[in-house]
């Protein structure tokens, strides 16, 4: 599907062959895995698990969420979501907020510390990527930048062509 979308970007350029796509996917997976591992170690030292980070990203993107909606978006039971949120609240990453009009409804919101930790993860990711990219020469950096622009354009074209699954997150919540 993405190959079709990439072909529509530049008709003069033939679609990549399957072996080249497999090789690229393998290299990308190795690189992302190395970056994820290095980043995870930094997060663990900062006291943030990947589950915590995922919840904080969701709250950052979607705003305050009810426990039920959060559990649904995480695809876990309400009791599992509650346990996770309890631990995050103990660490000061989130806070529970009662809705004034209906005190039975409890929303989960990012705390000031949670927002601060997300900013820290952004800085750590940037620092890590910068350290890696500094090991490349100018020609290599130009190739990486162009490849990333091409991938971004292919993603846009694939989404417009309907070749990517729809965004399953409801942006209204």
Protein backbone atom coordinates (compact mmCIF):
# COMPACT_ATOMS: atom_id res chain seq x y z
CA UNK A 1 0.00 0.00 0.00
CA UNK A 2 2.71 2.46 0.92
CA UNK A 3 4.58 1.48 -2.23
CA UNK A 4 1.58 2.60 -4.30
CA UNK A 5 1.49 5.86 -2.37
CA UNK A 6 5.21 6.39 -2.89
CA UNK A 7 4.80 5.76 -6.60
CA UNK A 8 2.24 8.58 -6.79
CA UNK A 9 4.71 11.05 -5.29
CA UNK A 10 7.11 10.92 -8.18
CA UNK A 11 5.84 9.05 -11.25
CA UNK A 12 9.32 9.20 -12.80
CA UNK A 13 10.66 7.12 -9.91
CA UNK A 14 9.76 3.40 -10.06
CA UNK A 15 8.48 1.85 -6.84
CA UNK A 16 11.14 0.20 -4.68
CA UNK A 17 11.52 -3.54 -5.04
CA UNK A 18 10.41 -5.81 -2.22
CA UNK A 19 13.94 -6.76 -1.20
CA UNK A 20 14.98 -3.11 -0.89
CA UNK A 21 11.88 -2.43 1.23
CA UNK A 22 12.65 -5.44 3.48
CA UNK A 23 16.30 -4.34 3.88
CA UNK A 24 15.22 -0.79 4.73
CA UNK A 25 12.65 -2.03 7.24
CA UNK A 26 15.25 -4.24 8.89
CA UNK A 27 17.72 -1.35 9.22
CA UNK A 28 15.02 0.99 10.48
CA UNK A 29 13.91 -1.57 13.05
CA UNK A 30 17.48 -2.03 14.29
CA UNK A 31 18.04 1.74 14.55
CA UNK A 32 14.74 2.43 16.27
CA UNK A 33 15.34 -0.48 18.63
CA UNK A 34 18.75 0.89 19.62
CA UNK A 35 17.32 4.38 20.15
CA UNK A 36 14.36 3.02 22.13
CA UNK A 37 16.66 0.98 24.35
CA UNK A 38 18.98 3.93 25.03
CA UNK A 39 16.02 6.24 25.65
CA UNK A 40 14.31 3.74 27.95
CA UNK A 41 17.39 3.52 30.15
CA UNK A 42 17.33 7.30 30.59
CA UNK A 43 13.61 7.23 31.41
CA UNK A 44 14.02 4.47 33.99
CA UNK A 45 16.70 6.54 35.71
CA UNK A 46 14.22 9.43 35.74
CA UNK A 47 11.57 7.14 37.30
CA UNK A 48 9.27 6.92 34.28
CA UNK A 49 8.17 3.62 32.76
CA UNK A 50 7.18 3.27 29.13
CA UNK A 51 3.58 2.72 30.27
CA UNK A 52 3.68 5.99 32.18
CA UNK A 53 5.13 7.77 29.19
CA UNK A 54 2.45 6.36 26.89
CA UNK A 55 -0.33 7.58 29.21
CA UNK A 56 1.27 11.01 29.51
CA UNK A 57 1.56 11.30 25.71
CA UNK A 58 -2.10 10.36 25.39
CA UNK A 59 -3.13 12.98 27.94
CA UNK A 60 -0.94 15.56 26.25
CA UNK A 61 -2.52 14.82 22.89
CA UNK A 62 -6.15 14.35 23.94
CA UNK A 63 -6.44 16.40 27.12
CA UNK A 64 -8.09 15.19 30.31
CA UNK A 65 -9.69 11.74 29.97
CA UNK A 66 -12.13 9.75 32.05
CA UNK A 67 -10.84 6.50 33.52
CA UNK A 68 -13.17 4.53 31.25
CA UNK A 69 -11.99 6.31 28.11
CA UNK A 70 -8.35 5.96 29.15
CA UNK A 71 -8.78 2.22 29.76
CA UNK A 72 -10.47 1.90 26.36
CA UNK A 73 -7.68 3.77 24.59
CA UNK A 74 -5.02 1.66 26.36
CA UNK A 75 -7.06 -1.49 25.59
CA UNK A 76 -6.88 -2.64 29.21
CA UNK A 77 -9.46 -3.34 31.88
CA UNK A 78 -10.61 -0.50 34.10
CA UNK A 79 -8.90 -2.15 37.09
CA UNK A 80 -5.57 -2.33 35.21
CA UNK A 81 -5.89 1.31 34.17
CA UNK A 82 -6.75 2.27 37.75
CA UNK A 83 -3.61 0.53 39.08
CA UNK A 84 -1.45 2.29 36.51
CA UNK A 85 -3.02 5.67 37.28
CA UNK A 86 -2.62 5.06 41.04
CA UNK A 87 1.13 4.54 40.57
CA UNK A 88 1.42 7.58 38.33
CA UNK A 89 -0.49 9.71 40.85
CA UNK A 90 1.86 8.53 43.63
CA UNK A 91 4.79 9.77 41.51
CA UNK A 92 3.05 13.08 40.87
CA UNK A 93 2.83 12.55 37.09
CA UNK A 94 -0.94 12.88 36.84
CA UNK A 95 -3.81 14.06 38.99
CA UNK A 96 -7.41 13.01 39.30
CA UNK A 97 -9.89 15.83 38.83
CA UNK A 98 -13.56 15.67 39.71
CA UNK A 99 -15.96 17.27 37.26
CA UNK A 100 -17.77 20.09 39.12
CA UNK A 101 -21.13 19.42 37.41
CA UNK A 102 -21.03 15.68 38.16
CA UNK A 103 -18.73 14.77 41.06
CA UNK A 104 -19.06 11.06 40.16
CA UNK A 105 -16.99 11.65 37.02
CA UNK A 106 -13.25 11.60 37.58
CA UNK A 107 -10.90 12.82 34.88
CA UNK A 108 -7.22 11.99 34.64
CA UNK A 109 -5.08 15.04 33.88
CA UNK A 110 -1.38 15.68 33.46
CA UNK A 111 0.10 17.35 36.50
CA UNK A 112 2.67 20.12 36.32
CA UNK A 113 5.33 17.50 37.12
CA UNK A 114 3.98 15.25 34.34
CA UNK A 115 4.25 18.10 31.82
CA UNK A 116 7.76 18.78 33.12
CA UNK A 117 8.72 15.12 32.66
CA UNK A 118 7.38 15.15 29.07
CA UNK A 119 9.55 18.19 28.37
CA UNK A 120 12.50 16.33 29.90
CA UNK A 121 11.85 13.30 27.65
CA UNK A 122 11.80 15.62 24.62
CA UNK A 123 15.16 17.08 25.67
CA UNK A 124 16.61 13.61 26.32
CA UNK A 125 15.40 12.38 22.92
CA UNK A 126 16.84 15.44 21.17
CA UNK A 127 20.16 15.08 23.00
CA UNK A 128 20.35 11.38 22.15
CA UNK A 129 19.53 11.94 18.48
CA UNK A 130 21.95 14.85 18.26
CA UNK A 131 24.76 12.71 19.70
CA UNK A 132 24.01 10.05 17.09
CA UNK A 133 23.68 12.48 14.17
CA UNK A 134 26.94 14.24 15.08
CA UNK A 135 28.71 10.99 14.15
CA UNK A 136 27.61 11.46 10.51
CA UNK A 137 29.37 13.66 7.98
CA UNK A 138 27.62 16.37 5.96
CA UNK A 139 26.85 14.10 3.02
CA UNK A 140 25.34 11.44 5.28
CA UNK A 141 23.26 14.04 7.14
CA UNK A 142 21.93 15.41 3.84
CA UNK A 143 20.96 11.87 2.78
CA UNK A 144 19.21 11.18 6.10
CA UNK A 145 17.34 14.50 5.94
CA UNK A 146 16.19 13.85 2.37
CA UNK A 147 15.17 10.28 3.19
CA UNK A 148 13.10 11.53 6.14
CA UNK A 149 11.42 14.16 3.95
CA UNK A 150 10.62 11.42 1.42
CA UNK A 151 9.16 9.16 4.12
CA UNK A 152 7.06 12.03 5.51
CA UNK A 153 5.72 12.77 2.04
CA UNK A 154 5.02 9.07 1.43
CA UNK A 155 3.11 8.90 4.73
CA UNK A 156 1.05 11.93 3.72
CA UNK A 157 0.32 10.44 0.29
CA UNK A 158 -0.56 7.04 1.78
CA UNK A 159 -2.96 8.65 4.26
CA UNK A 160 -4.60 10.73 1.50
CA UNK A 161 -4.91 7.62 -0.69
CA UNK A 162 -6.55 5.70 2.14
CA UNK A 163 -3.70 3.18 2.28
CA UNK A 164 -3.09 3.76 5.99
CA UNK A 165 -5.54 2.65 8.65
CA UNK A 166 -7.66 5.51 9.98
CA UNK A 167 -6.52 7.28 13.12
CA UNK A 168 -8.28 5.34 15.88
CA UNK A 169 -7.95 8.08 18.47
CA UNK A 170 -10.94 10.35 18.82
CA UNK A 171 -9.43 13.84 18.77
CA UNK A 172 -12.56 15.34 20.31
CA UNK A 173 -11.80 13.75 23.71
